[in-house]
Amino acid sequence: MMNSQSKGKTWMWLIVLLVLFLTISYFSFSPKPKVYPGYVSDSPSPSGVKAFYTYLKKETDVKTWNHSPDMLPKSEENQLLVMVESSFIPGKDVMKKYVDFMKAGNTILLFQTNPKGMFDVNTEFTEQKSSQNIYDKSRTLYRAEVRSQIGLQKTKQDEVLLSNRKETIALKRPYGKGHLIVSIAPEWMTNGNILKKDHLPLLLYLLNQGETKTILFDEYIHGGENSSSILTVYPMWFLLLNLQGLLLMLLWLWFKGKRFGPIFTPREESVRFSDEGIQAIAAWYMRGKRYHDSLVIQADYVKLLLQERWQIPYSREWQDLTSYFEKKWTRMPACEIKSFLSGLFTILEKEKISKQEYLFWSRKLEQLRKEVEA
């Protein structure tokens, strides 16, 4: 009976703890803010254009366009398609659909930092400052921020809408019954910049160049799934040629017996020439307190290095090497060299040495070894 009561209490406490844990988790959990891509019309983030889209929606007929350009209504005229910083360069077939839309009597307003590759627009690199004076075609002065280091190259048929007297910031080009308006300052339309300087008046100025009744914001260009794939960028014969070349290379490598992957070296091959043996011997000397023997071996090794690097005869005693050291060890004063060599000779002549003496002279020999090997 007592057992069943204790089990019941245990389960009750477990349930209470579980409920408490779930309650704390629920109230402490803070969902991550939604991440929006840049320049989309429904994005309230500083990089979105929702503020301008909402403003236009109150003033005129504005919609978003999420479909392929071949579905754009070409029967109607005086429509304005706003394209803000496309996330990819559309393929030739897609660009042709946009051109057909303009030729039918509509206008495209393109805001792109670098419009090279779109609508045959040519560009050039400039040294524009981020903040500068902008002039329209009637020489009205605006203050604006232009981050792009690209300038537009105009042709004879182009009409310059905005410039800084050196580079073209925005231009207008006829396409059949319609027009293309290009600007290199998409940052003017973002939520974080639209109210800065004269960005809003400049946007309305470019918008009014279209003389349209219906405005469409193109969201098709912000979908990554709509971008050109490798199958659409390159011709099929080129892709097949590359595939055949890859297969031939794999067959050739297989024929030559090439193998891929890591090379595993047998442990016995690496252990023989590693520090494991040296460390084991050093530990043996330390445990057996054979400090003198260890120091003699270390000094003997340094002597071999002296013969190899400094051409000092191995047979000479340490106290007889003063003249050699004074020529080679220039950074050490002569009096210290003599003291070092005589002290080393004395300590090596002893039968037994203490651990402190061993550590002191071992460091001294290590310092000498580094000097010789330098």
Protein backbone atom coordinates (compact mmCIF):
# COMPACT_ATOMS: atom_id res chain seq x y z
CA MET A 1 0.00 0.00 0.00
CA MET A 2 2.82 2.36 0.94
CA ASN A 3 4.61 1.44 -2.28
CA SER A 4 1.64 2.43 -4.45
CA GLN A 5 1.27 5.74 -2.56
CA SER A 6 4.94 6.63 -3.06
CA LYS A 7 4.73 5.76 -6.75
CA GLY A 8 1.63 7.94 -7.08
CA LYS A 9 3.43 10.87 -5.46
CA THR A 10 6.41 10.37 -7.76
CA TRP A 11 4.22 10.45 -10.86
CA MET A 12 2.39 13.51 -9.56
CA TRP A 13 5.66 15.40 -9.05
CA LEU A 14 6.86 14.37 -12.51
CA ILE A 15 3.65 15.71 -14.06
CA VAL A 16 3.97 18.98 -12.09
CA LEU A 17 7.59 19.40 -13.20
CA LEU A 18 6.66 18.65 -16.81
CA VAL A 19 3.83 21.22 -16.76
CA LEU A 20 6.16 23.76 -15.14
CA PHE A 21 8.85 23.11 -17.76
CA LEU A 22 6.36 23.48 -20.63
CA THR A 23 4.99 26.73 -19.14
CA ILE A 24 8.45 28.26 -18.74
CA SER A 25 9.44 27.13 -22.25
CA TYR A 26 6.29 28.67 -23.73
CA PHE A 27 6.78 32.08 -22.12
CA SER A 28 10.56 32.19 -22.58
CA PHE A 29 10.45 31.17 -26.23
CA SER A 30 10.85 34.12 -28.56
CA PRO A 31 10.22 33.30 -32.21
CA LYS A 32 12.82 34.49 -34.68
CA PRO A 33 11.78 37.48 -36.78
CA LYS A 34 10.76 36.68 -40.32
CA VAL A 35 13.57 37.19 -42.81
CA TYR A 36 12.58 39.08 -45.94
CA PRO A 37 14.59 39.31 -49.15
CA GLY A 38 15.69 42.78 -50.17
CA TYR A 39 13.58 45.16 -52.27
CA VAL A 40 10.29 43.21 -52.05
CA SER A 41 7.02 45.12 -51.78
CA ASP A 42 5.73 43.33 -48.65
CA SER A 43 8.94 43.68 -46.62
CA PRO A 44 8.81 46.04 -43.60
CA SER A 45 12.57 45.65 -43.06
CA PRO A 46 14.93 48.57 -43.86
CA SER A 47 15.90 46.86 -47.15
CA GLY A 48 12.27 46.38 -48.27
CA VAL A 49 10.09 48.77 -50.32
CA LYS A 50 6.77 48.32 -48.50
CA ALA A 51 6.58 51.99 -47.47
CA PHE A 52 6.69 53.27 -51.06
CA TYR A 53 4.34 50.52 -52.27
CA THR A 54 1.79 51.35 -49.54
CA TYR A 55 2.04 55.07 -50.33
CA LEU A 56 1.35 54.48 -54.03
CA LYS A 57 -1.52 52.10 -53.25
CA LYS A 58 -3.35 54.93 -51.50
CA GLU A 59 -2.88 57.26 -54.47
CA THR A 60 -3.38 55.07 -57.55
CA ASP A 61 -4.02 51.54 -58.85
CA VAL A 62 -1.04 49.45 -57.72
CA LYS A 63 -0.62 45.65 -57.74
CA THR A 64 2.16 43.11 -57.36
CA TRP A 65 3.14 40.88 -60.29
CA ASN A 66 4.39 37.39 -59.37
CA HIS A 67 4.09 35.63 -62.72
CA SER A 68 6.34 35.10 -65.70
CA PRO A 69 6.59 38.12 -68.05
CA ASP A 70 4.98 36.17 -70.90
CA MET A 71 1.72 36.54 -68.94
CA LEU A 72 1.93 40.33 -68.74
CA PRO A 73 -1.22 41.91 -70.25
CA LYS A 74 -0.16 43.31 -73.62
CA SER A 75 -3.66 44.22 -74.81
CA GLU A 76 -3.75 47.15 -72.41
CA GLU A 77 -1.56 50.22 -72.78
CA ASN A 78 -0.11 52.78 -70.37
CA GLN A 79 0.90 50.24 -67.74
CA LEU A 80 4.03 50.75 -65.64
CA LEU A 81 6.05 47.74 -64.46
CA VAL A 82 8.43 48.61 -61.60
CA MET A 83 11.47 46.31 -61.33
CA VAL A 84 13.62 46.94 -58.24
CA GLU A 85 17.05 45.27 -57.98
CA SER A 86 16.47 41.96 -59.71
CA SER A 87 18.13 39.08 -57.85
CA PHE A 88 19.20 37.50 -61.16
CA ILE A 89 19.78 38.44 -64.78
CA PRO A 90 16.85 37.00 -66.78
CA GLY A 91 17.60 34.86 -69.83
CA LYS A 92 17.16 36.03 -73.42
CA ASP A 93 13.69 34.52 -73.80
CA VAL A 94 12.48 36.21 -70.62
CA MET A 95 14.01 39.54 -71.62
CA LYS A 96 12.24 39.32 -74.98
CA LYS A 97 8.88 39.04 -73.18
CA TYR A 98 9.64 42.22 -71.24
CA VAL A 99 10.58 43.98 -74.48
CA ASP A 100 7.33 42.84 -76.12
CA PHE A 101 5.47 44.28 -73.13
CA MET A 102 7.10 47.67 -73.72
CA LYS A 103 6.59 47.61 -77.49
CA ALA A 104 2.86 47.13 -76.88
CA GLY A 105 2.73 50.63 -75.36
CA ASN A 106 3.82 50.07 -71.75
CA THR A 107 6.72 51.31 -69.63
CA ILE A 108 9.25 49.48 -67.47
CA LEU A 109 10.91 51.40 -64.63
CA LEU A 110 14.09 49.51 -63.73
CA PHE A 111 16.05 50.27 -60.56
CA GLN A 112 19.27 48.26 -60.71
CA THR A 113 22.67 48.94 -59.15
CA ASN A 114 24.35 47.44 -62.22
CA PRO A 115 21.88 46.94 -65.11
CA LYS A 116 24.57 45.46 -67.38
CA GLY A 117 23.07 42.50 -69.25
CA MET A 118 19.49 43.75 -69.03
CA PHE A 119 17.73 45.41 -72.01
CA ASP A 120 21.07 46.01 -73.80
CA VAL A 121 21.97 48.71 -71.27
CA ASN A 122 25.69 49.55 -71.29
CA THR A 123 27.50 50.75 -68.18
CA GLU A 124 30.89 52.10 -67.13
CA PHE A 125 32.77 52.29 -63.84
CA THR A 126 32.86 55.73 -62.21
CA GLU A 127 34.17 57.40 -59.08
CA GLN A 128 30.85 58.66 -57.81
CA LYS A 129 30.61 59.82 -54.24
CA SER A 130 27.90 58.33 -52.02
CA SER A 131 26.31 61.76 -51.46
CA GLN A 132 26.05 64.15 -54.41
CA ASN A 133 24.04 66.71 -56.29
CA ILE A 134 21.58 65.31 -58.82
CA TYR A 135 20.03 67.33 -61.66
CA ASP A 136 16.96 66.51 -63.72
CA LYS A 137 16.49 67.45 -67.38
CA SER A 138 15.18 70.91 -66.38
CA ARG A 139 18.31 71.49 -64.23
CA THR A 140 16.44 71.24 -60.93
CA LEU A 141 18.84 70.38 -58.10
CA TYR A 142 18.25 67.40 -55.80
CA ARG A 143 20.34 66.02 -52.95
CA ALA A 144 20.60 62.24 -53.01
CA GLU A 145 22.73 59.27 -52.07
CA VAL A 146 24.00 57.09 -54.92
CA ARG A 147 25.97 54.03 -53.78
CA SER A 148 26.55 52.46 -57.18
CA GLN A 149 30.00 52.83 -58.72
CA ILE A 150 28.42 52.27 -62.13
CA GLY A 151 27.39 54.96 -64.62
CA LEU A 152 24.95 54.53 -67.52
CA GLN A 153 26.20 54.91 -71.09
CA LYS A 154 23.59 56.72 -73.15
CA THR A 155 22.93 56.32 -76.86
CA LYS A 156 21.54 58.80 -79.39
CA GLN A 157 17.97 57.69 -78.79
CA ASP A 158 18.25 57.95 -74.99
CA GLU A 159 16.93 60.86 -72.96
CA VAL A 160 18.91 61.69 -69.81
CA LEU A 161 16.51 62.11 -66.89
CA LEU A 162 18.96 62.43 -63.98
CA SER A 163 22.69 63.11 -63.86
CA ASN A 164 25.38 64.61 -61.68
CA ARG A 165 26.79 66.56 -64.67
CA LYS A 166 29.44 63.84 -65.14
CA GLU A 167 27.65 60.50 -65.05
CA THR A 168 24.15 59.50 -66.06
CA ILE A 169 22.06 58.36 -63.08
CA ALA A 170 18.79 57.66 -64.93
CA LEU A 171 17.76 57.60 -68.61
CA LYS A 172 14.71 56.93 -70.76
CA ARG A 173 14.80 54.81 -73.92
CA PRO A 174 11.96 54.23 -76.42
CA TYR A 175 10.81 50.67 -77.21
CA GLY A 176 8.10 50.62 -79.89
CA LYS A 177 5.08 52.38 -78.38
CA GLY A 178 6.51 52.16 -74.86
CA HIS A 179 9.59 53.15 -72.94
CA LEU A 180 12.32 51.83 -70.66
CA ILE A 181 13.40 53.97 -67.71
CA VAL A 182 16.61 52.88 -65.98
CA SER A 183 18.05 54.17 -62.69
CA ILE A 184 21.14 52.93 -60.84
CA ALA A 185 19.85 53.93 -57.38
CA PRO A 186 17.45 51.25 -56.04
CA GLU A 187 18.40 52.29 -52.49
CA TRP A 188 16.21 55.40 -52.83
CA MET A 189 13.10 53.22 -52.59
CA THR A 190 14.05 51.20 -49.50
CA ASN A 191 12.20 51.76 -46.23
CA GLY A 192 15.40 52.86 -44.53
CA ASN A 193 16.30 55.54 -47.10
CA ILE A 194 13.10 56.77 -48.75
CA LEU A 195 12.67 59.76 -46.41
CA LYS A 196 16.33 60.75 -46.50
CA LYS A 197 17.40 63.78 -48.54
CA ASP A 198 15.39 64.10 -51.80
CA HIS A 199 14.89 60.39 -52.46
CA LEU A 200 11.08 60.49 -52.44
CA PRO A 201 10.80 63.46 -54.86
CA LEU A 202 13.27 61.73 -57.19
CA LEU A 203 11.22 58.51 -57.13
CA LEU A 204 8.01 60.39 -57.93
CA TYR A 205 9.81 62.29 -60.69
CA LEU A 206 10.88 59.03 -62.37
CA LEU A 207 7.45 57.49 -61.79
CA ASN A 208 5.74 60.39 -63.53
CA GLN A 209 7.90 59.91 -66.62
CA GLY A 210 5.84 56.82 -67.41
CA GLU A 211 2.51 58.68 -67.69
CA THR A 212 0.60 55.54 -66.72
CA LYS A 213 -2.58 54.66 -64.86
CA THR A 214 -1.79 51.14 -63.62
CA ILE A 215 1.40 50.30 -61.73
CA LEU A 216 2.71 46.74 -61.29
CA PHE A 217 5.54 45.83 -58.89
CA ASP A 218 7.46 42.92 -60.38
CA GLU A 219 8.12 40.27 -57.69
CA TYR A 220 8.94 37.58 -60.26
CA ILE A 221 12.51 38.92 -60.41
CA HIS A 222 13.01 38.30 -56.67
CA GLY A 223 12.28 34.57 -56.82
CA GLY A 224 15.45 32.47 -56.84
CA GLU A 225 13.56 29.62 -58.51
CA ASN A 226 13.02 31.89 -61.55
CA SER A 227 16.71 32.55 -62.15
CA SER A 228 18.53 31.15 -65.14
CA SER A 229 19.90 27.66 -64.62
CA ILE A 230 22.94 26.14 -66.26
CA LEU A 231 20.64 24.36 -68.72
CA THR A 232 19.27 27.68 -69.98
CA VAL A 233 22.51 29.69 -69.91
CA TYR A 234 24.62 27.30 -72.05
CA PRO A 235 23.65 25.63 -75.33
CA MET A 236 22.85 21.92 -75.21
CA TRP A 237 25.77 20.92 -77.50
CA PHE A 238 28.22 22.61 -75.11
CA LEU A 239 26.75 20.79 -72.09
CA LEU A 240 26.88 17.43 -73.89
CA LEU A 241 30.49 18.07 -74.90
CA ASN A 242 31.43 18.79 -71.27
CA LEU A 243 29.59 15.68 -70.06
CA GLN A 244 31.43 13.49 -72.58
CA GLY A 245 34.74 15.07 -71.57
CA LEU A 246 34.03 14.35 -67.90
CA LEU A 247 33.20 10.70 -68.64
CA LEU A 248 36.37 10.31 -70.72
CA MET A 249 38.47 11.81 -67.91
CA LEU A 250 36.96 9.41 -65.34
CA LEU A 251 37.65 6.44 -67.64
CA TRP A 252 41.22 7.61 -68.22
CA LEU A 253 41.85 7.98 -64.47
CA TRP A 254 40.38 4.54 -63.85
CA PHE A 255 42.56 3.07 -66.61
CA LYS A 256 45.67 4.69 -65.10
CA GLY A 257 44.84 3.17 -61.73
CA LYS A 258 44.37 6.45 -59.89
CA ARG A 259 42.92 6.16 -56.41
CA PHE A 260 41.22 8.91 -54.45
CA GLY A 261 40.94 9.36 -50.70
CA PRO A 262 43.24 9.72 -47.70
CA ILE A 263 46.56 7.88 -47.45
CA PHE A 264 46.90 5.94 -44.20
CA THR A 265 50.51 5.31 -43.12
CA PRO A 266 51.08 2.17 -40.99
CA ARG A 267 51.74 3.15 -37.39
CA GLU A 268 54.98 1.18 -37.13
CA GLU A 269 56.49 3.30 -39.93
CA SER A 270 55.77 6.58 -38.18
CA VAL A 271 56.54 5.49 -34.61
CA ARG A 272 60.09 4.43 -35.52
CA PHE A 273 61.03 7.98 -36.48
CA SER A 274 58.76 9.92 -34.13
CA ASP A 275 59.37 11.52 -30.74
CA GLU A 276 57.79 8.61 -28.85
CA GLY A 277 61.10 6.81 -28.38
CA ILE A 278 62.87 9.99 -27.28
CA GLN A 279 60.12 10.82 -24.81
CA ALA A 280 60.23 7.29 -23.38
CA ILE A 281 64.00 7.46 -22.85
CA ALA A 282 63.72 10.92 -21.28
CA ALA A 283 61.02 9.68 -18.88
CA TRP A 284 63.21 6.69 -17.95
CA TYR A 285 66.14 8.96 -17.10
CA MET A 286 63.90 11.24 -15.03
CA ARG A 287 62.28 8.42 -13.05
CA GLY A 288 65.66 6.84 -12.35
CA LYS A 289 67.16 10.22 -11.36
CA ARG A 290 69.91 9.66 -13.90
CA TYR A 291 70.34 13.40 -14.34
CA HIS A 292 74.07 13.28 -14.95
CA ASP A 293 73.80 10.67 -17.71
CA SER A 294 71.04 12.63 -19.42
CA LEU A 295 73.07 15.86 -19.29
CA VAL A 296 76.16 14.11 -20.71
CA ILE A 297 74.10 12.82 -23.67
CA GLN A 298 72.65 16.29 -24.27
CA ALA A 299 76.09 17.92 -24.13
CA ASP A 300 77.50 15.28 -26.48
CA TYR A 301 74.73 15.99 -29.00
CA VAL A 302 75.44 19.73 -28.84
CA LYS A 303 79.13 19.01 -29.43
CA LEU A 304 78.27 17.10 -32.60
CA LEU A 305 76.25 20.11 -33.76
CA LEU A 306 79.20 22.40 -33.01
CA GLN A 307 81.43 20.27 -35.24
CA GLU A 308 78.81 20.19 -38.01
CA ARG A 309 77.71 23.85 -37.96
CA TRP A 310 80.62 25.81 -36.46
CA GLN A 311 83.48 23.45 -37.48
CA ILE A 312 84.68 23.10 -33.86
CA PRO A 313 86.60 19.82 -33.35
CA TYR A 314 84.61 17.27 -31.38
CA SER A 315 87.70 16.06 -29.54
CA ARG A 316 88.29 19.39 -27.78
CA GLU A 317 87.23 19.72 -24.14
CA TRP A 318 84.58 22.28 -23.23
CA GLN A 319 86.96 24.56 -21.32
CA ASP A 320 89.20 24.78 -24.43
CA LEU A 321 86.48 26.16 -26.70
CA THR A 322 86.55 29.78 -25.45
CA SER A 323 88.35 31.19 -28.52
CA TYR A 324 85.98 29.41 -30.90
CA PHE A 325 82.88 30.60 -29.05
CA GLU A 326 84.11 34.22 -28.96
CA LYS A 327 84.24 34.18 -32.78
CA LYS A 328 80.93 32.40 -33.36
CA TRP A 329 78.71 33.35 -30.39
CA THR A 330 78.95 37.11 -30.90
CA ARG A 331 75.84 37.94 -28.89
CA MET A 332 77.36 36.47 -25.69
CA PRO A 333 80.01 38.55 -23.83
CA ALA A 334 83.45 36.95 -23.59
CA CYS A 335 83.39 36.82 -19.78
CA GLU A 336 80.05 34.97 -19.79
CA ILE A 337 81.30 32.52 -22.42
CA LYS A 338 84.29 31.61 -20.28
CA SER A 339 82.10 31.23 -17.18
CA PHE A 340 79.58 29.11 -19.10
CA LEU A 341 82.21 26.71 -20.52
CA SER A 342 84.07 26.26 -17.25
CA GLY A 343 80.82 25.69 -15.36
CA LEU A 344 79.65 23.16 -17.94
CA PHE A 345 82.97 21.30 -17.77
CA THR A 346 82.76 21.18 -13.97
CA ILE A 347 79.19 19.90 -13.88
CA LEU A 348 79.96 17.19 -16.46
CA GLU A 349 82.92 15.97 -14.39
CA LYS A 350 80.72 15.35 -11.36
CA GLU A 351 79.45 11.83 -10.74
CA LYS A 352 76.04 12.93 -9.47
CA ILE A 353 74.08 16.15 -9.81
CA SER A 354 70.83 17.41 -8.31
CA LYS A 355 67.61 17.94 -10.21
CA GLN A 356 67.98 21.73 -9.93
CA GLU A 357 71.49 21.61 -11.42
CA TYR A 358 70.26 19.33 -14.18
CA LEU A 359 67.38 21.64 -15.12
CA PHE A 360 69.63 24.72 -15.03
CA TRP A 361 72.35 23.30 -17.30
CA SER A 362 69.87 21.53 -19.55
CA ARG A 363 68.27 24.91 -20.29
CA LYS A 364 71.72 26.39 -20.93
CA LEU A 365 72.57 23.63 -23.41
CA GLU A 366 69.20 24.04 -25.12
CA GLN A 367 69.91 27.76 -25.51
CA LEU A 368 73.30 26.94 -27.05
CA ARG A 369 71.72 24.38 -29.39
CA LYS A 370 69.23 26.96 -30.70
CA GLU A 371 72.08 29.43 -31.24
CA VAL A 372 74.09 26.86 -33.22
CA GLU A 373 71.11 25.79 -35.35
CA ALA A 374 70.00 29.38 -36.06
